[in-house]
Structures are given as structure tokens and as C-alpha cells.
Amino acid sequence: MAALFISDLHLDAAHPAITEQFLSFLRADAAAADALYILGDLFESWIGDDAVDTAQSAVVGALRALGDGGVPCFVMRGNRDFLFGERFEAASGAVLIEDPIVLTLYGRRVLVMHGDALCTDDRAYQRLRATVRDPEWQRRFLELKADDRRALAGAARAGSRAHTAAIEYAIADVNSGSVAAALRAADADILLHGHTHRPAVHRFEVDGRARTRIVLGDWHRQGSVLRWDRSGYELCVLPRGAAAGIGGGPE
């Protein structure tokens, strides 16, 4: 038995193969786990709990089935689905968790984040993040008609793609000083996050202490999952189109 961690699936009706792989993953690997943690950007966009489309509804139902089968699911809001609310939580059976959060995993103290808050060199993005996480902004946005929210979300995604393409590769990654500060504040030696779509295990020192930063991959071309049990952790790929089951070796 193990705890499984995933992020950055960006599920969307326009890319059904990703959704199908995720649903298969829930029925197979996740159903045999101790717990499933989704660290943000489960969906490409989430414009409110009252505007769920058919593809999203199928995913919500599958999460409910996972929980009904005895596997707890914990979901962190990402930069694409920060509007998850109480109705999503009730319908999916998942538990919304804060970003950041410190977990104790098999005796190890682990700082868990979506990861976007660490990309502090991208100042334009951090200003946007502060705006859309403001409760008053969210209240006003959710008062709009669903079609208007959907149009605004589409424009925001297009703007995000243009912004990412325009900035330097390093600016879009985490800032090492922000990583060190987060680990100090949490008194943790391990940081686990997604967001950057750059799966890897980084080992370094902060204040003379050995630290580890584990980065989950996205699901655009294949799945990415961190499997953590009493023997340790492994960052694995899930080839698309292969039989269900964690495999493919470390990322």
C-alpha cells in the first residue's frame, strides 16, 4: 500500500485521452492505494461549482467512487482550478487541502505545494495570482453568468500561453531562494510540488541540511505519479495507451 501524488492533469473535454487515462488510473492504481493526493490543476479550468460540464462531472463521479471504495482523496487548488468550493468537495467526496501544507509521510516531514507560489521571478504572474485568490474578486467573478465566466477563462488561458512563451525558461521555474525560505518556514527537508511540468528529483543543501525537492510531471503526453510507501518514494511515468498500472520506470 502506498500514498499516490499527482498534479497538472489539466483535464478538458477537448483532450479525452487524458481523461480516459485518469479514469483508468482511478479504477486501478488509485483503488489499491492508501490515499490519493492531487496537487492542483486537476482541470484545465474550473469556473465555479455551479458550472460543471459533462466531462468534469464524470471525473467528479469517479473521485466519489474512489472514496466510496475506501480510498481517501485530497485535492489542492491549483492556478487553473482555484475556484473549487464546498459543492465540489461534497460531490466528489474529496477533501480540499490548503496550499502549502505539511504532511508526515511514513515518518518524514514533507512540505507539499502546488508550486506556483515559488515562481517568484515571474512577477507578472504573482500579481495575477494575488488578484484571483482574493475572496472579493472571486465573489464578483462567480456572480457572472456561466457563459461569461467561461469566455473570460478561455481568454485567460490564451493569455497565459502567450505569457509563458514570451518569458525566459528560468523565470517560469521556481526561485531557489523561495524554495529555501519555504523549507525553513516549514522545518522540512523534503518539498513536493507540481506546476512547472518539469518532473525531477533535486538534491541540495539549505543551511547545511540536506534537502530534496520532488517535482511532479504533467499528464499532457503521459501520466506522472509519485508512489510513496514505507520503503521510500519513486517518481514514475504512466505511458498512455498501456495497460493500467504504475510502471515505465522513474522520470
Foldseek 3Di string as FASTA:
>chain_A
DWEKEFEAQQDDPVDVLSLVLVLLQLVPVQLPHQEYEYAENPHVADQALVDADPSRLVVLQSLLVSVVSPYAYEYEYYPRYVRDDDSSCVSNVHHYDYAWDWDQALNATETEHQFQVQLVLPVVVVVVVVQCNDPVNSVVSSVDDPVVSVVVSVVVVVVVVVVVVPDDLSSLHGDPVSVLVVCVVSVHQEYEHEDSQPADWDWDDHPRDIHIYGYWHYPPQWTWMWTQDNVGIAIFTGHRPDNDDTDPGGD
